[in-house]
């Protein structure tokens, strides 16, 4: 990461801290550092790249609050397909039953 990008990133983190906005850092791409910011009703993903570019993606809530019943939808939509248990070692198959 170039020094100017590093300076831009650290200045942004200082601004967040001075503003009382909490954040997390992540590293999902070799050439970038991501700053994850959660504020009421929104989540921001800000990535600082080696080439000095910055990408921002915002996820905005519609304000709808759901109940526990939505957990089933989470798993139904996004869980990885089950593995074929015949391909697993026997101790793992029996451990799942217990």
Protein backbone atom coordinates (compact mmCIF):
# COMPACT_ATOMS: atom_id res chain seq x y z
CA UNK A 1 0.00 0.00 0.00
CA UNK A 2 1.52 3.30 -1.06
CA UNK A 3 2.27 5.95 1.55
CA UNK A 4 -0.32 8.40 0.16
CA UNK A 5 -3.06 5.74 0.29
CA UNK A 6 -1.96 4.78 3.78
CA UNK A 7 -2.14 8.45 4.80
CA UNK A 8 -5.62 8.75 3.30
CA UNK A 9 -6.74 5.60 5.15
CA UNK A 10 -5.31 6.66 8.51
CA UNK A 11 -6.78 10.17 8.16
CA UNK A 12 -10.20 8.64 7.44
CA UNK A 13 -9.91 6.35 10.48
CA UNK A 14 -8.99 9.36 12.65
CA UNK A 15 -12.04 11.24 11.33
CA UNK A 16 -14.27 8.29 12.20
CA UNK A 17 -12.82 8.08 15.71
CA UNK A 18 -13.15 11.83 16.31
CA UNK A 19 -16.78 11.62 15.13
CA UNK A 20 -17.54 8.71 17.46
CA UNK A 21 -18.36 6.39 14.55
CA UNK A 22 -17.26 2.81 15.17
CA UNK A 23 -15.69 0.71 12.44
CA UNK A 24 -13.98 -2.59 11.69
CA UNK A 25 -11.12 -3.27 9.31
CA UNK A 26 -11.14 -6.17 6.86
CA UNK A 27 -8.91 -7.50 4.11
CA UNK A 28 -10.76 -9.34 1.34
CA UNK A 29 -8.69 -8.36 -1.72
CA UNK A 30 -4.91 -8.43 -1.99
CA UNK A 31 -4.72 -4.82 -3.15
CA UNK A 32 -7.16 -3.23 -0.69
CA UNK A 33 -8.05 -2.57 2.93
CA UNK A 34 -11.76 -2.38 3.77
CA UNK A 35 -13.32 -0.21 6.45
CA UNK A 36 -16.74 -1.47 7.54
CA UNK A 37 -18.96 1.16 9.13
CA UNK A 38 -22.37 0.47 10.66
CA UNK A 39 -24.67 3.39 11.42
CA UNK A 40 -28.41 3.27 12.13
CA UNK A 41 -30.16 1.87 9.07
CA UNK A 42 -27.01 1.60 6.96
CA UNK A 43 -23.84 -0.37 6.52
CA UNK A 44 -20.95 1.09 4.53
CA UNK A 45 -18.01 -0.81 3.03
CA UNK A 46 -15.19 1.57 2.08
CA UNK A 47 -12.16 0.07 0.33
CA UNK A 48 -8.83 1.85 -0.03
CA UNK A 49 -6.77 0.49 -2.95
CA UNK A 50 -3.04 0.45 -3.73
CA UNK A 51 -3.67 2.60 -6.82
CA UNK A 52 -5.04 5.33 -4.50
CA UNK A 53 -8.67 4.79 -5.55
CA UNK A 54 -11.48 4.45 -3.04
CA UNK A 55 -14.66 2.42 -3.56
CA UNK A 56 -17.74 2.81 -1.37
CA UNK A 57 -20.72 0.48 -1.25
CA UNK A 58 -23.72 1.32 0.95
CA UNK A 59 -26.38 -1.08 2.15
CA UNK A 60 -29.52 0.75 3.25
CA UNK A 61 -32.26 -0.78 5.39
CA UNK A 62 -35.91 -0.31 4.53
CA UNK A 63 -36.57 -0.04 8.28
CA UNK A 64 -38.53 -3.29 8.48
CA UNK A 65 -37.93 -5.25 11.69
CA UNK A 66 -38.54 -8.99 11.44
CA UNK A 67 -39.00 -11.68 14.04
CA UNK A 68 -37.14 -14.89 14.75
CA UNK A 69 -39.08 -16.70 12.01
CA UNK A 70 -36.78 -15.04 9.44
CA UNK A 71 -33.85 -17.15 10.63
CA UNK A 72 -35.28 -20.10 8.68
CA UNK A 73 -35.22 -18.01 5.51
CA UNK A 74 -31.59 -17.08 6.14
CA UNK A 75 -30.54 -20.74 6.15
CA UNK A 76 -32.91 -21.77 3.37
CA UNK A 77 -31.52 -19.12 1.02
CA UNK A 78 -27.84 -18.94 1.88
CA UNK A 79 -26.63 -22.16 3.52
CA UNK A 80 -24.22 -24.22 1.49
CA UNK A 81 -25.71 -27.45 0.13
CA UNK A 82 -25.28 -30.41 2.44
CA UNK A 83 -22.34 -32.63 1.76
CA UNK A 84 -22.84 -36.25 0.84
CA UNK A 85 -22.33 -37.99 4.21
CA UNK A 86 -20.95 -41.10 2.47
CA UNK A 87 -17.89 -39.02 1.54
CA UNK A 88 -17.21 -38.08 5.18
CA UNK A 89 -15.17 -40.15 7.64
CA UNK A 90 -17.46 -42.31 9.79
CA UNK A 91 -16.59 -40.48 13.04
CA UNK A 92 -17.93 -37.22 11.53
CA UNK A 93 -21.15 -38.88 10.37
CA UNK A 94 -21.86 -40.35 13.81
CA UNK A 95 -20.86 -37.07 15.53
CA UNK A 96 -23.60 -35.25 13.59
CA UNK A 97 -26.23 -37.74 14.87
CA UNK A 98 -25.40 -37.26 18.55
